[in-house]
mmCIF file of all heavy atoms, coordinates in Angstrom:
data_MODEL
# 
_entry.id   MODEL 
# 
loop_
_atom_site.group_PDB 
_atom_site.id 
_atom_site.type_symbol 
_atom_site.label_atom_id 
_atom_site.label_alt_id 
_atom_site.label_comp_id 
_atom_site.label_asym_id 
_atom_site.label_entity_id 
_atom_site.label_seq_id 
_atom_site.pdbx_PDB_ins_code 
_atom_site.Cartn_x 
_atom_site.Cartn_y 
_atom_site.Cartn_z 
_atom_site.occupancy 
_atom_site.B_iso_or_equiv 
_atom_site.pdbx_formal_charge 
_atom_site.auth_seq_id 
_atom_site.auth_comp_id 
_atom_site.auth_asym_id 
_atom_site.auth_atom_id 
_atom_site.pdbx_PDB_model_num 
ATOM 1   N N   . VAL A 1 1  ? 7.089  -2.917  6.389   1.00 0.00 ? 1  VAL A N   1 
ATOM 2   C CA  . VAL A 1 1  ? 6.380  -2.703  5.144   1.00 0.00 ? 1  VAL A CA  1 
ATOM 3   C C   . VAL A 1 1  ? 5.529  -1.451  5.251   1.00 0.00 ? 1  VAL A C   1 
ATOM 4   O O   . VAL A 1 1  ? 5.448  -0.741  4.153   1.00 0.00 ? 1  VAL A O   1 
ATOM 5   C CB  . VAL A 1 1  ? 5.639  -3.991  4.734   1.00 0.00 ? 1  VAL A CB  1 
ATOM 6   C CG1 . VAL A 1 1  ? 4.979  -3.820  3.355   1.00 0.00 ? 1  VAL A CG1 1 
ATOM 7   C CG2 . VAL A 1 1  ? 6.539  -5.178  4.786   1.00 0.00 ? 1  VAL A CG2 1 
ATOM 8   N N   . GLN A 1 2  ? 4.917  -1.277  6.359   1.00 0.00 ? 2  GLN A N   1 
ATOM 9   C CA  . GLN A 1 2  ? 4.109  -0.110  6.432   1.00 0.00 ? 2  GLN A CA  1 
ATOM 10  C C   . GLN A 1 2  ? 4.970  1.230   6.137   1.00 0.00 ? 2  GLN A C   1 
ATOM 11  O O   . GLN A 1 2  ? 4.529  2.104   5.523   1.00 0.00 ? 2  GLN A O   1 
ATOM 12  C CB  . GLN A 1 2  ? 3.545  0.094   7.883   1.00 0.00 ? 2  GLN A CB  1 
ATOM 13  C CG  . GLN A 1 2  ? 2.359  -0.817  8.171   1.00 0.00 ? 2  GLN A CG  1 
ATOM 14  C CD  . GLN A 1 2  ? 1.798  -0.408  9.510   1.00 0.00 ? 2  GLN A CD  1 
ATOM 15  O OE1 . GLN A 1 2  ? 1.481  0.735   9.844   1.00 0.00 ? 2  GLN A OE1 1 
ATOM 16  N NE2 . GLN A 1 2  ? 1.520  -1.350  10.338  1.00 0.00 ? 2  GLN A NE2 1 
ATOM 17  N N   . LEU A 1 3  ? 6.089  1.278   6.646   1.00 0.00 ? 3  LEU A N   1 
ATOM 18  C CA  . LEU A 1 3  ? 6.984  2.389   6.381   1.00 0.00 ? 3  LEU A CA  1 
ATOM 19  C C   . LEU A 1 3  ? 7.369  2.613   4.858   1.00 0.00 ? 3  LEU A C   1 
ATOM 20  O O   . LEU A 1 3  ? 7.366  3.698   4.432   1.00 0.00 ? 3  LEU A O   1 
ATOM 21  C CB  . LEU A 1 3  ? 8.276  2.308   7.170   1.00 0.00 ? 3  LEU A CB  1 
ATOM 22  C CG  . LEU A 1 3  ? 8.247  2.607   8.601   1.00 0.00 ? 3  LEU A CG  1 
ATOM 23  C CD1 . LEU A 1 3  ? 9.627  2.339   9.306   1.00 0.00 ? 3  LEU A CD1 1 
ATOM 24  C CD2 . LEU A 1 3  ? 7.847  4.024   8.838   1.00 0.00 ? 3  LEU A CD2 1 
ATOM 25  N N   . ALA A 1 4  ? 7.530  1.475   4.235   1.00 0.00 ? 4  ALA A N   1 
ATOM 26  C CA  . ALA A 1 4  ? 7.846  1.563   2.770   1.00 0.00 ? 4  ALA A CA  1 
ATOM 27  C C   . ALA A 1 4  ? 6.564  2.105   2.013   1.00 0.00 ? 4  ALA A C   1 
ATOM 28  O O   . ALA A 1 4  ? 6.672  2.927   1.107   1.00 0.00 ? 4  ALA A O   1 
ATOM 29  C CB  . ALA A 1 4  ? 8.187  0.192   2.232   1.00 0.00 ? 4  ALA A CB  1 
ATOM 30  N N   . VAL A 1 5  ? 5.355  1.636   2.417   1.00 0.00 ? 5  VAL A N   1 
ATOM 31  C CA  . VAL A 1 5  ? 4.081  2.117   1.874   1.00 0.00 ? 5  VAL A CA  1 
ATOM 32  C C   . VAL A 1 5  ? 3.983  3.570   2.171   1.00 0.00 ? 5  VAL A C   1 
ATOM 33  O O   . VAL A 1 5  ? 3.602  4.302   1.309   1.00 0.00 ? 5  VAL A O   1 
ATOM 34  C CB  . VAL A 1 5  ? 2.855  1.399   2.423   1.00 0.00 ? 5  VAL A CB  1 
ATOM 35  C CG1 . VAL A 1 5  ? 1.613  1.936   1.871   1.00 0.00 ? 5  VAL A CG1 1 
ATOM 36  C CG2 . VAL A 1 5  ? 3.014  -0.128  2.008   1.00 0.00 ? 5  VAL A CG2 1 
ATOM 37  N N   . ARG A 1 6  ? 4.188  3.885   3.420   1.00 0.00 ? 6  ARG A N   1 
ATOM 38  C CA  . ARG A 1 6  ? 4.073  5.418   3.776   1.00 0.00 ? 6  ARG A CA  1 
ATOM 39  C C   . ARG A 1 6  ? 5.012  6.338   3.012   1.00 0.00 ? 6  ARG A C   1 
ATOM 40  O O   . ARG A 1 6  ? 4.523  7.379   2.710   1.00 0.00 ? 6  ARG A O   1 
ATOM 41  C CB  . ARG A 1 6  ? 4.414  5.450   5.377   1.00 0.00 ? 6  ARG A CB  1 
ATOM 42  C CG  . ARG A 1 6  ? 4.914  6.807   5.806   1.00 0.00 ? 6  ARG A CG  1 
ATOM 43  C CD  . ARG A 1 6  ? 5.555  6.656   7.169   1.00 0.00 ? 6  ARG A CD  1 
ATOM 44  N NE  . ARG A 1 6  ? 6.404  7.836   7.462   1.00 0.00 ? 6  ARG A NE  1 
ATOM 45  C CZ  . ARG A 1 6  ? 6.245  8.743   8.472   1.00 0.00 ? 6  ARG A CZ  1 
ATOM 46  N NH1 . ARG A 1 6  ? 5.221  8.486   9.430   1.00 0.00 ? 6  ARG A NH1 1 
ATOM 47  N NH2 . ARG A 1 6  ? 7.045  9.650   8.746   1.00 0.00 ? 6  ARG A NH2 1 
ATOM 48  N N   . ASP A 1 7  ? 6.125  5.783   2.719   1.00 0.00 ? 7  ASP A N   1 
ATOM 49  C CA  . ASP A 1 7  ? 7.113  6.692   1.969   1.00 0.00 ? 7  ASP A CA  1 
ATOM 50  C C   . ASP A 1 7  ? 6.906  6.703   0.481   1.00 0.00 ? 7  ASP A C   1 
ATOM 51  O O   . ASP A 1 7  ? 7.522  7.622   -0.149  1.00 0.00 ? 7  ASP A O   1 
ATOM 52  C CB  . ASP A 1 7  ? 8.516  6.154   2.304   1.00 0.00 ? 7  ASP A CB  1 
ATOM 53  C CG  . ASP A 1 7  ? 8.985  6.269   3.772   1.00 0.00 ? 7  ASP A CG  1 
ATOM 54  O OD1 . ASP A 1 7  ? 8.356  7.130   4.425   1.00 0.00 ? 7  ASP A OD1 1 
ATOM 55  O OD2 . ASP A 1 7  ? 9.905  5.546   4.158   1.00 0.00 ? 7  ASP A OD2 1 
ATOM 56  N N   . HIS A 1 8  ? 6.079  5.780   -0.066  1.00 0.00 ? 8  HIS A N   1 
ATOM 57  C CA  . HIS A 1 8  ? 6.101  5.685   -1.512  1.00 0.00 ? 8  HIS A CA  1 
ATOM 58  C C   . HIS A 1 8  ? 4.688  5.887   -2.142  1.00 0.00 ? 8  HIS A C   1 
ATOM 59  O O   . HIS A 1 8  ? 4.561  6.032   -3.363  1.00 0.00 ? 8  HIS A O   1 
ATOM 60  C CB  . HIS A 1 8  ? 6.663  4.388   -1.968  1.00 0.00 ? 8  HIS A CB  1 
ATOM 61  C CG  . HIS A 1 8  ? 8.188  4.315   -1.671  1.00 0.00 ? 8  HIS A CG  1 
ATOM 62  N ND1 . HIS A 1 8  ? 8.647  3.451   -0.730  1.00 0.00 ? 8  HIS A ND1 1 
ATOM 63  C CD2 . HIS A 1 8  ? 9.256  5.008   -2.219  1.00 0.00 ? 8  HIS A CD2 1 
ATOM 64  C CE1 . HIS A 1 8  ? 10.017 3.568   -0.619  1.00 0.00 ? 8  HIS A CE1 1 
ATOM 65  N NE2 . HIS A 1 8  ? 10.353 4.549   -1.515  1.00 0.00 ? 8  HIS A NE2 1 
ATOM 66  N N   . VAL A 1 9  ? 3.650  5.772   -1.335  1.00 0.00 ? 9  VAL A N   1 
ATOM 67  C CA  . VAL A 1 9  ? 2.304  5.946   -1.956  1.00 0.00 ? 9  VAL A CA  1 
ATOM 68  C C   . VAL A 1 9  ? 1.797  7.289   -1.652  1.00 0.00 ? 9  VAL A C   1 
ATOM 69  O O   . VAL A 1 9  ? 1.677  7.684   -0.454  1.00 0.00 ? 9  VAL A O   1 
ATOM 70  C CB  . VAL A 1 9  ? 1.341  4.932   -1.386  1.00 0.00 ? 9  VAL A CB  1 
ATOM 71  C CG1 . VAL A 1 9  ? -0.146 5.132   -1.979  1.00 0.00 ? 9  VAL A CG1 1 
ATOM 72  C CG2 . VAL A 1 9  ? 1.790  3.463   -1.844  1.00 0.00 ? 9  VAL A CG2 1 
ATOM 73  N N   . ARG A 1 10 ? 1.451  8.188   -2.517  1.00 0.00 ? 10 ARG A N   1 
ATOM 74  C CA  . ARG A 1 10 ? 1.096  9.520   -2.377  1.00 0.00 ? 10 ARG A CA  1 
ATOM 75  C C   . ARG A 1 10 ? -0.273 9.805   -2.983  1.00 0.00 ? 10 ARG A C   1 
ATOM 76  O O   . ARG A 1 10 ? -0.778 9.044   -3.762  1.00 0.00 ? 10 ARG A O   1 
ATOM 77  C CB  . ARG A 1 10 ? 2.197  10.445  -3.155  1.00 0.00 ? 10 ARG A CB  1 
ATOM 78  C CG  . ARG A 1 10 ? 3.461  10.450  -2.432  1.00 0.00 ? 10 ARG A CG  1 
ATOM 79  C CD  . ARG A 1 10 ? 3.507  11.135  -1.162  1.00 0.00 ? 10 ARG A CD  1 
ATOM 80  N NE  . ARG A 1 10 ? 4.676  11.331  -0.420  1.00 0.00 ? 10 ARG A NE  1 
ATOM 81  C CZ  . ARG A 1 10 ? 5.129  10.575  0.596   1.00 0.00 ? 10 ARG A CZ  1 
ATOM 82  N NH1 . ARG A 1 10 ? 4.235  9.620   1.022   1.00 0.00 ? 10 ARG A NH1 1 
ATOM 83  N NH2 . ARG A 1 10 ? 6.254  10.793  1.229   1.00 0.00 ? 10 ARG A NH2 1 
ATOM 84  N N   . PRO A 1 11 ? -0.860 10.963  -2.595  1.00 0.00 ? 11 PRO A N   1 
ATOM 85  C CA  . PRO A 1 11 ? -2.210 11.278  -3.136  1.00 0.00 ? 11 PRO A CA  1 
ATOM 86  C C   . PRO A 1 11 ? -2.278 11.186  -4.618  1.00 0.00 ? 11 PRO A C   1 
ATOM 87  O O   . PRO A 1 11 ? -1.384 11.738  -5.362  1.00 0.00 ? 11 PRO A O   1 
ATOM 88  C CB  . PRO A 1 11 ? -2.411 12.629  -2.660  1.00 0.00 ? 11 PRO A CB  1 
ATOM 89  C CG  . PRO A 1 11 ? -1.660 12.697  -1.404  1.00 0.00 ? 11 PRO A CG  1 
ATOM 90  C CD  . PRO A 1 11 ? -0.423 11.968  -1.598  1.00 0.00 ? 11 PRO A CD  1 
ATOM 91  N N   . GLY A 1 12 ? -3.306 10.518  -5.178  1.00 0.00 ? 12 GLY A N   1 
ATOM 92  C CA  . GLY A 1 12 ? -3.454 10.382  -6.641  1.00 0.00 ? 12 GLY A CA  1 
ATOM 93  C C   . GLY A 1 12 ? -2.824 9.162   -7.215  1.00 0.00 ? 12 GLY A C   1 
ATOM 94  O O   . GLY A 1 12 ? -2.982 8.881   -8.375  1.00 0.00 ? 12 GLY A O   1 
ATOM 95  N N   . ASP A 1 13 ? -1.965 8.470   -6.477  1.00 0.00 ? 13 ASP A N   1 
ATOM 96  C CA  . ASP A 1 13 ? -1.235 7.305   -7.011  1.00 0.00 ? 13 ASP A CA  1 
ATOM 97  C C   . ASP A 1 13 ? -2.073 6.128   -7.281  1.00 0.00 ? 13 ASP A C   1 
ATOM 98  O O   . ASP A 1 13 ? -3.216 5.956   -6.762  1.00 0.00 ? 13 ASP A O   1 
ATOM 99  C CB  . ASP A 1 13 ? -0.174 6.750   -6.033  1.00 0.00 ? 13 ASP A CB  1 
ATOM 100 C CG  . ASP A 1 13 ? 1.116  7.619   -6.093  1.00 0.00 ? 13 ASP A CG  1 
ATOM 101 O OD1 . ASP A 1 13 ? 1.144  8.588   -6.921  1.00 0.00 ? 13 ASP A OD1 1 
ATOM 102 O OD2 . ASP A 1 13 ? 2.084  7.464   -5.231  1.00 0.00 ? 13 ASP A OD2 1 
ATOM 103 N N   . ILE A 1 14 ? -1.626 5.261   -8.156  1.00 0.00 ? 14 ILE A N   1 
ATOM 104 C CA  . ILE A 1 14 ? -2.206 3.882   -8.369  1.00 0.00 ? 14 ILE A CA  1 
ATOM 105 C C   . ILE A 1 14 ? -1.156 2.986   -7.669  1.00 0.00 ? 14 ILE A C   1 
ATOM 106 O O   . ILE A 1 14 ? -0.061 2.905   -7.934  1.00 0.00 ? 14 ILE A O   1 
ATOM 107 C CB  . ILE A 1 14 ? -2.302 3.568   -9.922  1.00 0.00 ? 14 ILE A CB  1 
ATOM 108 C CG1 . ILE A 1 14 ? -3.255 4.594   -10.606 1.00 0.00 ? 14 ILE A CG1 1 
ATOM 109 C CG2 . ILE A 1 14 ? -2.849 2.104   -10.088 1.00 0.00 ? 14 ILE A CG2 1 
ATOM 110 C CD1 . ILE A 1 14 ? -3.195 4.423   -12.081 1.00 0.00 ? 14 ILE A CD1 1 
ATOM 111 N N   . ALA A 1 15 ? -1.790 2.071   -6.863  1.00 0.00 ? 15 ALA A N   1 
ATOM 112 C CA  . ALA A 1 15 ? -0.990 1.120   -6.096  1.00 0.00 ? 15 ALA A CA  1 
ATOM 113 C C   . ALA A 1 15 ? -1.717 -0.245  -6.089  1.00 0.00 ? 15 ALA A C   1 
ATOM 114 O O   . ALA A 1 15 ? -2.902 -0.334  -6.169  1.00 0.00 ? 15 ALA A O   1 
ATOM 115 C CB  . ALA A 1 15 ? -0.837 1.515   -4.606  1.00 0.00 ? 15 ALA A CB  1 
ATOM 116 N N   . PHE A 1 16 ? -0.919 -1.350  -6.189  1.00 0.00 ? 16 PHE A N   1 
ATOM 117 C CA  . PHE A 1 16 ? -1.419 -2.737  -6.222  1.00 0.00 ? 16 PHE A CA  1 
ATOM 118 C C   . PHE A 1 16 ? -1.059 -3.307  -4.838  1.00 0.00 ? 16 PHE A C   1 
ATOM 119 O O   . PHE A 1 16 ? 0.120  -3.275  -4.451  1.00 0.00 ? 16 PHE A O   1 
ATOM 120 C CB  . PHE A 1 16 ? -0.789 -3.540  -7.369  1.00 0.00 ? 16 PHE A CB  1 
ATOM 121 C CG  . PHE A 1 16 ? -1.387 -3.246  -8.706  1.00 0.00 ? 16 PHE A CG  1 
ATOM 122 C CD1 . PHE A 1 16 ? -2.192 -2.143  -8.873  1.00 0.00 ? 16 PHE A CD1 1 
ATOM 123 C CD2 . PHE A 1 16 ? -0.958 -3.932  -9.776  1.00 0.00 ? 16 PHE A CD2 1 
ATOM 124 C CE1 . PHE A 1 16 ? -2.736 -1.916  -10.168 1.00 0.00 ? 16 PHE A CE1 1 
ATOM 125 C CE2 . PHE A 1 16 ? -1.477 -3.721  -11.090 1.00 0.00 ? 16 PHE A CE2 1 
ATOM 126 C CZ  . PHE A 1 16 ? -2.361 -2.697  -11.256 1.00 0.00 ? 16 PHE A CZ  1 
ATOM 127 N N   . ASP A 1 17 ? -1.970 -4.074  -4.236  1.00 0.00 ? 17 ASP A N   1 
ATOM 128 C CA  . ASP A 1 17 ? -1.689 -4.934  -3.078  1.00 0.00 ? 17 ASP A CA  1 
ATOM 129 C C   . ASP A 1 17 ? -1.917 -6.315  -3.525  1.00 0.00 ? 17 ASP A C   1 
ATOM 130 O O   . ASP A 1 17 ? -3.065 -6.830  -3.612  1.00 0.00 ? 17 ASP A O   1 
ATOM 131 C CB  . ASP A 1 17 ? -2.673 -4.512  -1.882  1.00 0.00 ? 17 ASP A CB  1 
ATOM 132 C CG  . ASP A 1 17 ? -2.272 -5.313  -0.624  1.00 0.00 ? 17 ASP A CG  1 
ATOM 133 O OD1 . ASP A 1 17 ? -1.364 -6.012  -0.660  1.00 0.00 ? 17 ASP A OD1 1 
ATOM 134 O OD2 . ASP A 1 17 ? -3.101 -5.178  0.318   1.00 0.00 ? 17 ASP A OD2 1 
ATOM 135 N N   . VAL A 1 18 ? -0.823 -7.056  -3.803  1.00 0.00 ? 18 VAL A N   1 
ATOM 136 C CA  . VAL A 1 18 ? -0.914 -8.334  -4.338  1.00 0.00 ? 18 VAL A CA  1 
ATOM 137 C C   . VAL A 1 18 ? -0.722 -9.352  -3.161  1.00 0.00 ? 18 VAL A C   1 
ATOM 138 O O   . VAL A 1 18 ? 0.297  -9.459  -2.551  1.00 0.00 ? 18 VAL A O   1 
ATOM 139 C CB  . VAL A 1 18 ? 0.103  -8.664  -5.376  1.00 0.00 ? 18 VAL A CB  1 
ATOM 140 C CG1 . VAL A 1 18 ? -0.043 -10.137 -5.948  1.00 0.00 ? 18 VAL A CG1 1 
ATOM 141 C CG2 . VAL A 1 18 ? 0.018  -7.665  -6.553  1.00 0.00 ? 18 VAL A CG2 1 
ATOM 142 N N   . GLY A 1 19 ? -1.799 -10.069 -2.751  1.00 0.00 ? 19 GLY A N   1 
ATOM 143 C CA  . GLY A 1 19 ? -1.846 -10.855 -1.543  1.00 0.00 ? 19 GLY A CA  1 
ATOM 144 C C   . GLY A 1 19 ? -2.338 -9.990  -0.430  1.00 0.00 ? 19 GLY A C   1 
ATOM 145 O O   . GLY A 1 19 ? -1.682 -9.783  0.541   1.00 0.00 ? 19 GLY A O   1 
ATOM 146 N N   . ALA A 1 20 ? -3.624 -9.512  -0.608  1.00 0.00 ? 20 ALA A N   1 
ATOM 147 C CA  . ALA A 1 20 ? -4.135 -8.476  0.298   1.00 0.00 ? 20 ALA A CA  1 
ATOM 148 C C   . ALA A 1 20 ? -4.403 -9.128  1.729   1.00 0.00 ? 20 ALA A C   1 
ATOM 149 O O   . ALA A 1 20 ? -4.508 -8.314  2.678   1.00 0.00 ? 20 ALA A O   1 
ATOM 150 C CB  . ALA A 1 20 ? -5.439 -7.965  -0.194  1.00 0.00 ? 20 ALA A CB  1 
ATOM 151 N N   . ASN A 1 21 ? -4.610 -10.413 1.815   1.00 0.00 ? 21 ASN A N   1 
ATOM 152 C CA  . ASN A 1 21 ? -4.928 -11.008 3.132   1.00 0.00 ? 21 ASN A CA  1 
ATOM 153 C C   . ASN A 1 21 ? -6.109 -10.353 3.750   1.00 0.00 ? 21 ASN A C   1 
ATOM 154 O O   . ASN A 1 21 ? -7.154 -10.151 3.113   1.00 0.00 ? 21 ASN A O   1 
ATOM 155 C CB  . ASN A 1 21 ? -3.627 -11.024 4.045   1.00 0.00 ? 21 ASN A CB  1 
ATOM 156 C CG  . ASN A 1 21 ? -3.758 -12.033 5.165   1.00 0.00 ? 21 ASN A CG  1 
ATOM 157 O OD1 . ASN A 1 21 ? -4.268 -11.823 6.266   1.00 0.00 ? 21 ASN A OD1 1 
ATOM 158 N ND2 . ASN A 1 21 ? -3.267 -13.331 4.881   1.00 0.00 ? 21 ASN A ND2 1 
ATOM 159 N N   . ALA A 1 22 ? -6.053 -9.964  5.063   1.00 0.00 ? 22 ALA A N   1 
ATOM 160 C CA  . ALA A 1 22 ? -7.152 -9.329  5.702   1.00 0.00 ? 22 ALA A CA  1 
ATOM 161 C C   . ALA A 1 22 ? -7.363 -7.825  5.313   1.00 0.00 ? 22 ALA A C   1 
ATOM 162 O O   . ALA A 1 22 ? -8.423 -7.236  5.666   1.00 0.00 ? 22 ALA A O   1 
ATOM 163 C CB  . ALA A 1 22 ? -6.999 -9.313  7.240   1.00 0.00 ? 22 ALA A CB  1 
ATOM 164 N N   . GLY A 1 23 ? -6.460 -7.277  4.520   1.00 0.00 ? 23 GLY A N   1 
ATOM 165 C CA  . GLY A 1 23 ? -6.704 -6.015  4.001   1.00 0.00 ? 23 GLY A CA  1 
ATOM 166 C C   . GLY A 1 23 ? -5.913 -4.793  4.627   1.00 0.00 ? 23 GLY A C   1 
ATOM 167 O O   . GLY A 1 23 ? -6.178 -3.667  4.353   1.00 0.00 ? 23 GLY A O   1 
ATOM 168 N N   . ALA A 1 24 ? -4.957 -5.072  5.529   1.00 0.00 ? 24 ALA A N   1 
ATOM 169 C CA  . ALA A 1 24 ? -4.292 -3.992  6.256   1.00 0.00 ? 24 ALA A CA  1 
ATOM 170 C C   . ALA A 1 24 ? -3.583 -3.128  5.333   1.00 0.00 ? 24 ALA A C   1 
ATOM 171 O O   . ALA A 1 24 ? -3.680 -1.823  5.436   1.00 0.00 ? 24 ALA A O   1 
ATOM 172 C CB  . ALA A 1 24 ? -3.400 -4.670  7.272   1.00 0.00 ? 24 ALA A CB  1 
ATOM 173 N N   . PHE A 1 25 ? -2.779 -3.550  4.320   1.00 0.00 ? 25 PHE A N   1 
ATOM 174 C CA  . PHE A 1 25 ? -2.080 -2.790  3.467   1.00 0.00 ? 25 PHE A CA  1 
ATOM 175 C C   . PHE A 1 25 ? -2.887 -2.022  2.443   1.00 0.00 ? 25 PHE A C   1 
ATOM 176 O O   . PHE A 1 25 ? -2.659 -0.929  2.044   1.00 0.00 ? 25 PHE A O   1 
ATOM 177 C CB  . PHE A 1 25 ? -0.843 -3.444  2.825   1.00 0.00 ? 25 PHE A CB  1 
ATOM 178 C CG  . PHE A 1 25 ? 0.201  -3.842  3.823   1.00 0.00 ? 25 PHE A CG  1 
ATOM 179 C CD1 . PHE A 1 25 ? 0.434  -5.050  4.194   1.00 0.00 ? 25 PHE A CD1 1 
ATOM 180 C CD2 . PHE A 1 25 ? 0.988  -2.773  4.341   1.00 0.00 ? 25 PHE A CD2 1 
ATOM 181 C CE1 . PHE A 1 25 ? 1.394  -5.375  5.091   1.00 0.00 ? 25 PHE A CE1 1 
ATOM 182 C CE2 . PHE A 1 25 ? 1.966  -3.084  5.322   1.00 0.00 ? 25 PHE A CE2 1 
ATOM 183 C CZ  . PHE A 1 25 ? 2.151  -4.318  5.648   1.00 0.00 ? 25 PHE A CZ  1 
ATOM 184 N N   . ALA A 1 26 ? -3.976 -2.687  2.009   1.00 0.00 ? 26 ALA A N   1 
ATOM 185 C CA  . ALA A 1 26 ? -4.834 -2.012  1.076   1.00 0.00 ? 26 ALA A CA  1 
ATOM 186 C C   . ALA A 1 26 ? -5.548 -0.833  1.743   1.00 0.00 ? 26 ALA A C   1 
ATOM 187 O O   . ALA A 1 26 ? -5.810 0.221   1.219   1.00 0.00 ? 26 ALA A O   1 
ATOM 188 C CB  . ALA A 1 26 ? -5.839 -3.010  0.492   1.00 0.00 ? 26 ALA A CB  1 
# 
């Protein structure tokens, strides 16, 4: 999942982390 985030979230983007848990992906 980290790779998918790395490839698709760019500077200035708006992103949602639904089910943030401990916050690693946020």
